[in-house]
Protein backbone atom coordinates (compact mmCIF):
# COMPACT_ATOMS: atom_id res chain seq x y z
CA MET A 1 56.87 151.52 129.60
CA ASN A 2 56.09 151.64 126.04
CA LEU A 3 56.53 148.86 123.68
CA GLU A 4 59.77 149.00 122.13
CA SER A 5 61.09 149.61 125.93
CA GLN A 6 59.61 146.49 126.91
CA LEU A 7 61.84 144.56 124.20
CA TRP A 8 64.47 145.88 124.71
CA ARG A 9 64.47 145.27 128.51
CA GLU A 10 63.80 141.39 127.90
CA VAL A 11 66.89 141.51 125.32
CA SER A 12 69.07 142.84 127.93
CA GLU A 13 68.11 140.83 130.69
CA HIS A 14 68.31 137.32 128.64
CA LEU A 15 71.77 136.61 126.39
CA GLU A 16 70.41 132.76 125.54
CA LEU A 17 68.92 133.67 121.90
CA GLY A 18 66.34 131.00 122.65
CA GLU A 19 64.68 132.72 125.84
CA SER A 20 65.02 136.26 124.33
CA ILE A 21 62.66 135.29 121.63
CA ARG A 22 60.24 133.62 123.90
CA ARG A 23 60.29 136.48 125.93
CA ILE A 24 59.86 138.72 123.19
CA ALA A 25 57.09 136.87 121.43
CA ALA A 26 55.10 137.02 124.81
CA VAL A 27 55.46 140.58 125.07
CA LEU A 28 54.09 141.16 121.34
CA SER A 29 51.37 138.50 121.96
CA GLU A 30 50.05 141.26 124.21
CA HIS A 31 49.31 143.59 121.06
CA LEU A 32 48.10 141.05 118.67
CA PRO A 33 47.66 136.92 118.35
CA LEU A 34 50.78 135.77 117.99
CA ASP A 35 50.89 132.30 116.97
CA LEU A 36 54.87 131.45 116.48
CA LEU A 37 58.04 134.03 116.43
CA LEU A 38 61.34 132.46 115.14
CA VAL A 39 64.76 133.83 113.71
CA ARG A 40 66.41 131.86 110.81
CA ARG A 41 70.44 132.92 109.80
CA LEU A 42 70.95 133.72 106.32
CA GLU A 43 74.36 131.51 105.02
CA GLN A 44 75.92 132.10 102.07
CA ASP A 45 77.37 129.56 100.05
CA PRO A 46 75.72 127.53 99.34
CA LEU A 47 72.95 129.94 100.16
CA ARG A 48 70.36 128.82 102.98
CA LEU A 49 68.17 129.82 105.77
CA THR A 50 68.55 127.78 109.28
CA THR A 51 66.49 128.35 112.12
CA VAL A 52 68.69 129.10 115.54
CA ALA A 53 65.54 129.71 117.39
CA SER A 54 61.81 129.86 118.17
CA SER A 55 59.19 130.60 120.45
CA MET A 56 57.05 127.75 119.89
CA PRO A 57 53.96 128.85 121.94
CA ARG A 58 51.84 126.52 120.91
CA GLN A 59 54.19 123.62 120.04
CA THR A 60 54.81 120.40 122.00
CA GLU A 61 57.69 120.03 123.60
CA GLY A 62 60.41 118.23 120.83
CA GLU A 63 58.43 119.23 117.81
CA ALA A 64 60.18 121.64 114.88
CA PRO A 65 58.46 124.57 113.77
CA TRP A 66 60.22 124.45 110.78
CA PRO A 67 63.20 122.13 108.69
CA PRO A 68 66.22 122.85 110.75
CA ARG A 69 67.57 124.03 107.37
CA THR A 70 66.19 125.41 103.59
CA ASP A 71 68.29 125.61 100.63
CA VAL A 72 67.87 128.57 98.47
CA GLU A 73 67.14 127.34 95.04
CA PRO A 74 68.44 129.14 92.29
CA GLU A 75 65.12 130.38 91.25
CA LEU A 76 64.03 132.13 94.55
CA ALA A 77 67.68 133.58 95.13
CA ARG A 78 67.16 136.91 93.53
CA GLU A 79 64.03 137.11 94.89
CA LEU A 80 65.10 136.88 98.16
CA GLY A 81 67.85 139.19 97.92
CA ALA A 82 65.65 141.67 96.05
CA TRP A 83 63.64 141.75 98.83
CA LEU A 84 66.54 142.01 101.71
CA ARG A 85 68.14 144.91 99.90
CA THR A 86 64.76 146.65 100.76
CA ARG A 87 65.04 146.21 104.33
CA GLY A 88 61.28 146.48 105.00
CA ILE A 89 58.84 144.34 106.60
CA ALA A 90 56.80 142.02 104.41
CA LEU A 91 53.11 140.35 104.29
CA VAL A 92 53.67 136.73 103.83
CA SER A 93 50.48 134.82 102.15
CA GLU A 94 50.37 131.13 100.81
CA ARG A 95 50.81 132.99 97.39
CA HIS A 96 53.58 135.08 98.27
CA PRO A 97 56.83 134.43 96.31
CA LEU A 98 59.21 133.29 99.14
CA SER A 99 56.23 131.67 101.08
CA SER A 100 58.23 128.17 100.99
CA LEU A 101 61.36 130.28 102.58
CA LEU A 102 59.50 132.73 105.05
CA ARG A 103 56.39 130.50 105.94
CA PRO A 104 56.15 127.56 108.03
CA LYS A 105 53.85 125.06 105.24
CA GLU A 106 51.83 123.75 108.49
CA SER A 107 50.67 127.30 109.41
CA SER A 108 47.28 128.80 108.04
CA GLY A 109 48.02 132.12 109.69
CA GLU A 110 49.42 135.29 107.98
CA GLY A 111 53.47 135.34 108.06
CA ILE A 112 55.30 138.80 109.02
CA ALA A 113 59.07 138.63 107.73
CA PHE A 114 61.76 141.30 108.30
CA PRO A 115 65.24 140.86 107.96
CA LEU A 116 67.92 141.33 111.02
CA LEU A 117 70.82 143.62 110.67
CA VAL A 118 74.12 144.10 111.90
CA HIS A 119 76.54 146.62 111.02
CA GLY A 120 74.53 147.01 108.18
CA GLN A 121 74.71 143.80 106.63
CA THR A 122 71.63 141.49 106.76
CA VAL A 123 72.39 138.70 108.35
CA GLY A 124 69.19 136.68 108.82
CA VAL A 125 65.52 136.90 109.16
CA ALA A 126 62.61 137.07 111.73
CA VAL A 127 59.55 135.51 111.01
CA ALA A 128 55.60 135.98 113.10
CA ILE A 129 53.10 134.02 112.46
CA VAL A 130 49.55 135.14 113.78
CA GLU A 131 46.51 133.13 114.59
CA PRO A 132 44.64 131.43 111.48
CA GLY A 133 41.99 133.88 110.62
CA PHE A 134 43.17 137.10 111.76
CA GLU A 135 43.56 140.10 109.37
CA VAL A 136 47.10 141.95 109.72
CA GLU A 137 46.52 145.72 109.33
CA PRO A 138 49.01 148.38 108.45
CA ARG A 139 48.90 149.14 112.25
CA HIS A 140 49.80 145.47 113.00
CA LEU A 141 53.14 145.82 110.51
CA HIS A 142 54.28 149.05 112.51
CA LEU A 143 54.17 147.22 115.89
CA LEU A 144 56.51 144.81 114.59
CA SER A 145 59.14 146.41 112.63
CA SER A 146 59.78 148.14 116.47
CA ALA A 147 60.73 144.40 117.14
CA ALA A 148 63.57 144.39 114.15
CA ARG A 149 66.47 146.18 115.99
CA PRO A 150 65.86 144.46 119.47
CA LEU A 151 65.86 141.24 117.71
CA SER A 152 68.82 142.27 115.70
CA VAL A 153 70.92 142.69 118.76
CA ALA A 154 69.88 139.77 119.64
CA PHE A 155 71.33 137.40 117.11
CA GLU A 156 74.51 139.45 117.00
CA ASN A 157 74.85 138.58 120.82
CA ASP A 158 74.09 135.26 120.45
CA GLN A 159 76.45 135.00 117.24
CA ARG A 160 79.27 136.28 119.47
CA ILE A 161 78.71 134.32 122.18
CA HIS A 162 79.17 131.26 119.99
CA GLU A 163 82.18 132.67 118.62
CA LEU A 164 83.77 133.13 122.14
CA THR A 165 82.60 129.56 123.02
CA ARG A 166 84.25 128.63 119.42
CA MET A 167 87.57 130.18 120.60
CA ARG A 168 87.88 128.52 123.85
CA SER A 169 87.25 125.20 122.32
CA ALA A 170 90.07 125.87 120.06
CA LEU A 171 92.36 127.07 122.74
CA GLU A 172 91.17 124.01 124.62
CA ALA A 173 91.98 121.79 122.09
CA ASP A 174 95.28 123.40 120.76
CA ARG A 175 96.20 123.00 124.55
CA ASP A 176 95.21 119.31 124.85
CA ALA A 177 96.87 118.56 121.51
CA LEU A 178 100.00 120.63 122.81
CA LEU A 179 100.07 118.40 126.14
CA SER A 180 99.19 115.31 123.81
CA ARG A 181 102.47 115.93 121.83
CA LEU A 182 104.80 116.40 124.47
CA GLN A 183 103.71 113.27 126.44
CA ARG A 184 103.66 111.09 123.38
CA THR A 185 105.80 109.96 120.53
CA GLY A 186 104.97 110.63 116.82
CA VAL A 187 102.32 113.56 116.32
CA LYS A 188 104.13 116.26 115.16
CA ASP A 189 102.79 119.60 113.25
CA VAL A 190 105.53 118.94 110.36
CA VAL A 191 104.75 115.44 108.71
CA ILE A 192 108.01 113.34 108.18
CA GLY A 193 107.76 111.91 104.96
CA GLU A 194 105.82 114.82 103.60
CA SER A 195 108.47 115.47 100.26
CA LYS A 196 109.29 111.46 100.27
CA GLY A 197 107.02 109.02 101.02
CA LEU A 198 104.44 110.73 101.81
CA LYS A 199 104.17 113.13 99.00
CA ALA A 200 101.17 111.81 97.00
CA VAL A 201 98.93 111.95 100.05
CA MET A 202 100.59 114.80 100.94
CA ASP A 203 99.53 116.34 97.81
CA ARG A 204 95.91 115.20 98.15
CA ALA A 205 95.29 116.06 101.29
CA LYS A 206 96.41 119.92 100.49
CA GLN A 207 94.08 119.81 97.77
CA VAL A 208 90.90 118.70 99.47
CA ALA A 209 91.74 120.60 103.13
CA PRO A 210 89.79 124.14 101.69
CA THR A 211 86.60 122.59 101.24
CA ASP A 212 84.16 121.01 103.44
CA ALA A 213 84.40 117.68 102.12
CA PRO A 214 84.07 114.96 104.19
CA VAL A 215 87.80 112.36 104.30
CA LEU A 216 88.23 108.79 104.88
CA ILE A 217 91.70 107.85 105.70
CA LEU A 218 92.32 104.54 105.29
CA GLY A 219 95.85 102.60 106.51
CA GLU A 220 97.23 100.26 108.74
CA THR A 221 97.37 100.77 112.80
CA GLY A 222 100.43 103.06 113.53
CA SER A 223 100.80 104.66 110.08
CA GLY A 224 99.98 108.24 111.10
CA LYS A 225 96.30 109.01 110.45
CA GLU A 226 95.95 111.47 113.08
CA VAL A 227 98.72 113.58 111.48
CA ILE A 228 97.35 113.32 108.28
CA ALA A 229 93.91 114.61 109.68
CA ARG A 230 95.26 117.05 111.43
CA ALA A 231 97.65 118.55 108.70
CA ILE A 232 93.93 118.45 106.31
CA HIS A 233 92.80 120.89 109.55
CA ALA A 234 95.49 123.20 109.19
CA HIS A 235 95.61 123.54 105.93
CA SER A 236 91.39 124.26 105.66
CA ARG A 237 89.76 127.21 106.30
CA ARG A 238 88.60 126.03 109.56
CA ALA A 239 92.34 126.36 110.99
CA ARG A 240 91.33 129.06 113.76
CA GLY A 241 88.24 126.73 114.78
CA PRO A 242 88.83 123.67 117.00
CA VAL A 243 90.33 119.86 116.12
CA VAL A 244 88.89 117.41 118.46
CA ARG A 245 89.45 113.73 118.22
CA VAL A 246 87.26 110.80 119.47
CA ASN A 247 88.66 107.27 119.19
CA CYS A 248 85.43 105.28 118.55
CA GLY A 249 86.14 102.03 119.27
CA ALA A 250 87.08 103.31 123.03
CA ILE A 251 83.84 104.56 123.64
CA PRO A 252 81.81 102.14 125.70
CA SER A 253 78.14 101.20 123.55
CA GLU A 254 75.88 102.23 125.96
CA LEU A 255 77.80 106.20 126.08
CA ILE A 256 78.27 106.66 122.46
CA ASP A 257 75.37 108.87 121.92
CA SER A 258 76.21 111.16 124.91
CA GLU A 259 79.96 111.50 124.21
CA LEU A 260 78.73 112.11 120.91
CA PHE A 261 75.68 114.03 120.69
CA GLY A 262 75.77 115.12 124.69
CA HIS A 263 73.04 114.87 127.26
CA GLU A 264 71.36 116.93 129.65
CA ARG A 265 70.92 117.21 132.98
CA GLY A 266 68.66 114.24 134.66
CA ALA A 267 69.12 112.11 130.73
CA PHE A 268 70.03 108.92 132.97
CA THR A 269 71.86 108.10 136.01
CA GLY A 270 74.92 110.30 136.88
CA ALA A 271 73.66 112.62 134.71
CA ASN A 272 74.03 115.86 137.36
CA ALA A 273 74.69 118.42 134.37
CA GLN A 274 74.52 119.24 131.02
CA ARG A 275 77.29 118.14 128.90
CA LYS A 276 78.03 119.03 125.52
CA GLY A 277 79.08 116.35 122.93
CA TRP A 278 81.92 115.98 120.68
CA PHE A 279 80.04 117.24 118.22
CA GLU A 280 79.41 120.74 119.88
CA ARG A 281 82.59 121.02 120.67
CA ALA A 282 83.79 120.81 117.59
CA ASP A 283 81.49 123.35 116.03
CA GLY A 284 83.29 125.52 113.85
CA GLY A 285 86.24 123.05 113.61
CA THR A 286 86.96 119.27 112.69
CA LEU A 287 85.85 116.56 114.25
CA PHE A 288 88.20 113.57 113.63
CA LEU A 289 86.22 109.93 114.33
CA ASP A 290 89.42 107.41 114.43
CA GLU A 291 88.62 104.03 114.01
CA ILE A 292 85.17 104.97 112.56
CA GLY A 293 84.71 101.02 111.71
CA GLU A 294 84.16 100.15 115.08
CA LEU A 295 80.89 102.26 115.71
CA PRO A 296 78.13 99.97 116.31
CA LEU A 297 75.37 99.88 113.57
CA ALA A 298 72.50 101.85 115.96
CA ALA A 299 75.32 104.77 116.56
CA GLN A 300 76.06 104.63 112.98
CA VAL A 301 72.34 105.60 112.28
CA ARG A 302 72.36 108.79 114.45
CA LEU A 303 75.65 109.84 112.84
CA LEU A 304 74.37 109.53 109.80
CA ARG A 305 71.25 111.95 110.55
CA VAL A 306 74.09 114.57 111.61
CA LEU A 307 76.07 114.21 108.71
CA GLN A 308 73.09 114.40 106.45
CA ASP A 309 71.56 117.71 108.30
CA GLY A 310 74.07 119.20 110.61
CA THR A 311 72.15 118.65 113.45
CA LEU A 312 71.71 116.77 116.94
CA GLU A 313 69.62 116.23 119.80
CA ARG A 314 71.14 115.80 123.18
CA VAL A 315 70.10 112.92 125.33
CA GLY A 316 67.10 113.74 127.13
CA GLY A 317 66.79 116.95 125.49
CA HIS A 318 64.28 117.80 122.20
CA GLN A 319 65.77 120.99 121.13
CA THR A 320 67.54 120.48 117.44
CA ILE A 321 71.15 122.00 117.83
CA SER A 322 72.94 123.13 114.52
CA VAL A 323 76.60 122.38 114.41
CA ASP A 324 79.11 123.46 112.01
CA VAL A 325 81.26 120.48 111.58
CA ARG A 326 83.82 118.96 109.08
CA ILE A 327 84.22 115.41 109.80
CA VAL A 328 87.52 113.46 108.82
CA ALA A 329 87.04 109.72 109.40
CA ALA A 330 89.88 107.07 110.11
CA THR A 331 90.16 103.16 109.72
CA HIS A 332 92.30 100.22 109.85
CA ARG A 333 89.34 98.09 108.09
CA GLN A 334 88.07 97.53 105.03
CA LEU A 335 84.74 99.01 105.32
CA GLU A 336 83.69 97.96 101.48
CA THR A 337 83.75 94.61 103.11
CA MET A 338 82.09 95.01 106.53
CA VAL A 339 79.37 96.85 103.96
CA MET A 340 79.07 93.60 102.10
CA SER A 341 78.91 91.98 105.60
CA GLY A 342 76.40 94.23 106.81
CA ALA A 343 78.79 95.42 109.49
CA PHE A 344 78.81 99.11 108.10
CA ARG A 345 76.10 100.76 106.77
CA GLU A 346 76.06 101.46 102.86
CA ASP A 347 74.73 105.22 103.09
CA LEU A 348 77.16 106.11 105.81
CA TRP A 349 80.07 104.69 103.82
CA TYR A 350 78.87 106.74 100.72
CA ARG A 351 78.47 109.69 103.19
CA LEU A 352 82.03 109.22 104.44
CA SER A 353 83.99 108.15 101.67
CA VAL A 354 83.39 111.38 99.39
CA PHE A 355 87.38 111.66 99.21
CA PRO A 356 89.19 108.72 100.41
CA LEU A 357 92.89 108.98 101.15
CA ARG A 358 95.09 105.74 101.63
CA LEU A 359 98.01 106.12 103.97
CA PRO A 360 100.93 103.78 103.04
CA SER A 361 102.27 101.50 105.44
CA LEU A 362 106.09 102.16 106.66
CA ARG A 363 107.22 99.08 104.57
CA GLU A 364 106.04 101.01 101.43
CA ARG A 365 107.86 104.36 102.51
CA PRO A 366 111.55 102.45 103.08
CA GLU A 367 112.58 106.40 101.99
CA ASP A 368 111.25 107.59 105.31
CA LEU A 369 112.66 105.31 107.79
CA ARG A 370 115.99 107.32 108.41
CA ASP A 371 114.10 110.91 109.04
CA LEU A 372 112.00 109.32 111.09
CA ALA A 373 114.66 107.28 112.96
CA ASP A 374 116.43 110.50 113.32
CA TYR A 375 113.53 112.07 114.83
CA PHE A 376 112.37 109.91 117.43
CA ALA A 377 116.10 109.33 118.70
CA ASP A 378 116.35 112.87 119.39
CA ALA A 379 113.23 113.21 120.52
CA ALA A 380 113.93 110.48 122.86
CA GLY A 381 117.55 111.76 123.81
CA LYS A 382 115.98 114.70 125.39
CA ARG A 383 113.59 113.22 127.07
CA LEU A 384 116.13 111.00 129.35
CA GLY A 385 117.85 114.09 130.10
CA GLY A 386 120.37 114.15 127.76
CA SER A 387 121.14 115.83 124.34
CA GLY A 388 119.13 114.68 121.42
CA LEU A 389 120.45 110.74 119.62
CA ARG A 390 121.44 110.25 116.13
CA PRO A 391 121.45 106.58 114.40
CA THR A 392 124.30 105.16 112.83
CA ASP A 393 123.95 103.76 109.50
CA GLU A 394 124.38 100.29 111.09
CA ASP A 395 121.54 101.00 113.44
CA ILE A 396 119.59 101.96 110.09
CA GLU A 397 120.49 99.27 108.43
CA LEU A 398 119.30 96.99 110.93
CA LEU A 399 115.87 98.67 111.29
CA SER A 400 115.22 98.63 107.37
CA ARG A 401 115.54 94.51 107.81
CA TYR A 402 112.18 94.78 110.10
CA SER A 403 108.91 94.65 108.29
CA TRP A 404 107.24 97.18 111.10
CA PRO A 405 103.69 95.54 111.31
CA GLY A 406 103.22 98.47 114.21
CA ASN A 407 103.99 101.37 111.77
CA VAL A 408 105.62 104.58 112.43
CA ARG A 409 104.06 104.19 116.08
CA GLU A 410 106.09 100.72 116.75
CA LEU A 411 109.37 102.13 115.25
CA GLY A 412 108.86 105.07 117.70
CA ALA A 413 108.55 102.63 120.80
CA VAL A 414 111.48 100.60 119.55
CA ILE A 415 113.60 103.88 119.03
CA GLU A 416 112.59 104.84 122.62
CA ARG A 417 113.61 101.52 124.42
CA ALA A 418 117.14 101.59 122.46
CA ALA A 419 117.57 105.25 123.74
CA ILE A 420 116.39 103.65 127.50
CA LEU A 421 118.96 100.72 127.14
CA GLY A 422 121.78 102.90 126.26
CA ASN A 423 121.35 105.14 129.42
CA GLY A 424 120.04 108.25 127.03
CA LYS A 425 123.59 108.38 125.99
CA ARG A 426 123.66 106.04 123.01
CA LEU A 427 121.40 103.97 121.04
CA GLU A 428 121.29 100.22 121.55
CA ILE A 429 119.53 99.09 118.52
CA ALA A 430 120.16 95.42 118.20
CA ALA A 431 119.01 94.56 121.73
CA ALA A 432 115.89 96.95 121.53
CA LEU A 433 114.99 94.90 118.40
CA GLY A 434 115.71 91.64 120.17
CA SER A 435 113.24 88.68 119.38
CA ILE A 436 110.87 90.83 117.07
CA GLY A 437 114.01 91.84 114.58
CA SER A 438 114.04 88.09 114.13
CA ALA A 439 110.55 87.24 114.42
CA PRO A 440 108.75 86.70 111.11
CA SER A 441 106.70 89.48 109.43
CA ARG A 442 102.97 89.05 110.12
CA PRO A 443 101.28 89.39 106.44
CA SER A 444 99.39 92.90 106.35
CA ASN A 445 95.79 93.38 105.40
CA PRO A 446 95.71 97.05 104.50
CA PRO A 447 92.20 98.88 102.99
CA PRO A 448 91.68 99.07 99.38
CA PRO A 449 93.61 101.79 98.04
CA LEU A 450 90.24 103.75 96.73
CA THR A 451 92.63 106.53 95.63
CA GLY A 452 94.38 105.05 92.92
CA ASP A 453 97.49 106.54 94.56
CA ALA A 454 99.42 103.54 95.56
CA PRO A 455 99.53 99.93 94.78
CA VAL A 456 97.66 97.08 96.19
CA LYS A 457 97.86 93.25 95.90
CA ALA A 458 94.92 91.86 93.61
CA PRO A 459 94.25 89.21 91.16
CA PRO A 460 96.67 88.37 88.41
CA ALA A 461 95.10 90.17 84.94
CA THR A 462 95.53 87.91 82.18
CA SER A 463 95.20 91.23 80.04
CA GLY A 464 97.85 92.96 81.24
CA ARG A 465 95.46 95.38 82.70
CA PHE A 466 95.42 95.84 86.24
CA PRO A 467 91.59 94.74 87.32
CA THR A 468 89.53 97.64 89.14
CA LEU A 469 88.19 96.67 92.73
CA ASP A 470 84.67 96.17 91.35
CA GLU A 471 86.08 93.77 88.83
CA ALA A 472 87.80 91.52 91.18
CA MET A 473 84.57 91.76 93.40
CA ALA A 474 82.06 91.11 90.53
CA ALA A 475 84.36 88.18 89.32
CA HIS A 476 84.36 87.00 93.13
CA ILE A 477 80.74 87.05 93.40
CA GLU A 478 79.93 85.46 89.91
CA ALA A 479 82.31 82.43 91.03
CA ALA A 480 80.09 81.97 94.01
CA LEU A 481 76.77 82.28 91.80
CA GLU A 482 78.40 79.47 89.36
CA ARG A 483 79.32 77.29 92.09
CA SER A 484 75.52 77.67 93.57
CA PHE A 485 74.27 77.40 90.14
CA GLY A 486 72.57 81.13 90.60
CA ARG A 487 71.13 80.56 93.87
CA ILE A 488 71.10 83.56 96.45
CA GLU A 489 69.48 82.25 99.61
CA GLY A 490 69.28 79.04 101.36
CA PRO A 491 72.63 76.72 102.84
CA HIS A 492 73.73 76.28 99.15
CA GLY A 493 72.84 79.69 97.94
CA ALA A 494 75.96 82.15 97.14
CA ALA A 495 75.06 84.57 100.35
CA ARG A 496 75.91 81.79 102.56
CA LEU A 497 79.05 80.99 100.46
CA LEU A 498 80.60 84.77 100.75
CA GLY A 499 79.24 85.28 103.85
CA ILE A 500 76.51 87.90 103.40
CA ASN A 501 73.03 88.85 103.84
CA PRO A 502 71.34 88.14 100.69
CA HIS A 503 69.98 91.70 100.46
CA THR A 504 73.06 93.02 100.85
CA LEU A 505 74.27 90.61 97.98
CA ARG A 506 71.32 91.24 95.83
CA ALA A 507 72.11 95.29 96.08
CA ARG A 508 75.74 94.90 95.70
CA MET A 509 74.89 92.66 92.16
CA ARG A 510 72.41 95.60 91.33
CA LYS A 511 75.49 98.21 91.72
CA LEU A 512 77.86 95.95 89.63
CA ARG A 513 75.38 94.59 87.14
CA ILE A 514 75.31 91.14 87.62
CA ASP A 515 72.81 89.14 86.03
CA TRP A 516 72.64 86.10 88.43
CA GLY A 517 69.77 84.63 85.85
CA LYS A 518 72.25 83.25 83.42
CA PHE A 519 73.86 80.82 86.40
CA ARG A 520 71.02 79.30 86.71
CA SER A 521 70.88 77.05 83.75
CA GLY A 522 73.54 74.75 85.24
CA ALA A 523 70.97 73.73 88.23
CA SER A 524 69.99 70.12 87.92
């Protein structure tokens, strides 16, 4: 059996790309001293090379032969494009112009690279590294060129398998979402208030949706953060992919890594099979991280790595897995305050809050109350076996007197209760409100409006200009410094007064350009 027939046999017998690469490398090693064979996917916008599989014959388990992703700098993009258009094989030495893209830095052997073509389009690059000191001859280049077509087919098969997996995940996510909407109240495709109380939010959501920028949705509990997250997904280029929701506050701390990143068989007691985590399940789509403020610090570190590199490792595994996921996070907590207190990582905060959206509470959008009540009443009446119900003007008046601390979710529950009390034939709003209708409203504590599109309570401004959040924070810190005579640490320091870590306080003062030295003159 000749070399090319052997290579085609290996490709046909192994659908998993990593296994195909290892078997092909073993066949090629019989003809030349091969040290490493890897495949890198060519990605556009931005232009980068991503490692998708390698033979790793001399690598210990867990070591990576190449960075998971290499961005192509503008000065190299033209050089790379010119070589790919030739569709020829290249001998890559240390002095080759594309050495940084086509040859691992740690390797001292010669590199041989050739493009991978699928239906006439360049989709990736295969790189073979020979043992140090081996002199590559033209016959070796010809030998390796026979592997180009089998490797291209192996790459294409792998991409199709991943695409089928994404489609299956998308269908499963859509099915789960549909069942969820049938079983729960309040989640629907058409956003109620889109043209009224939520118009500003929806305009900004549609503005950011076509991009891949992370979105942070801030709003009180029950205000509809998941609805906005799904609307962003529906208007994005990932709309055909899965949208996966994860409630970070509902996962036990000891299972967070397994849930988010998956685990290998035998990784821990009870891990009887390999399991994909939420990131892998959302590959090609959107991952909605609800209640991100509840995530423990240790998990925040690992989440940050995935957001930065787009790669992860399953619990108990050593293989680096690339994922293409758009992150939408949400919380009802004030993350900036948590950053100052050290309860939330500052670098993760900056990574997530690229495009923050503040979702107004139901109290701030009274014009949507009737539309929401109509929707919930119609759905409740039909669920109870009859026809849809409709609240009267008197019902709306009663509902408008309540402050709705539970927001839209609480409104849905009250309407459901009113329909049950009316035996599915009418709404008993007064009875449904009961004691809560006359109970004093608990004060709300909404997150700071980072988008600048909604009002928020702030210290009075004597100049007539509304102070920014940084200005209000700087004034508060300066007041603590003045009381502590410029001290930062210790029992009488400003950090103790503010209830935060001294290092966090110093970092915040540097950001706000606060000179604490001027407060020391008052110390006795």
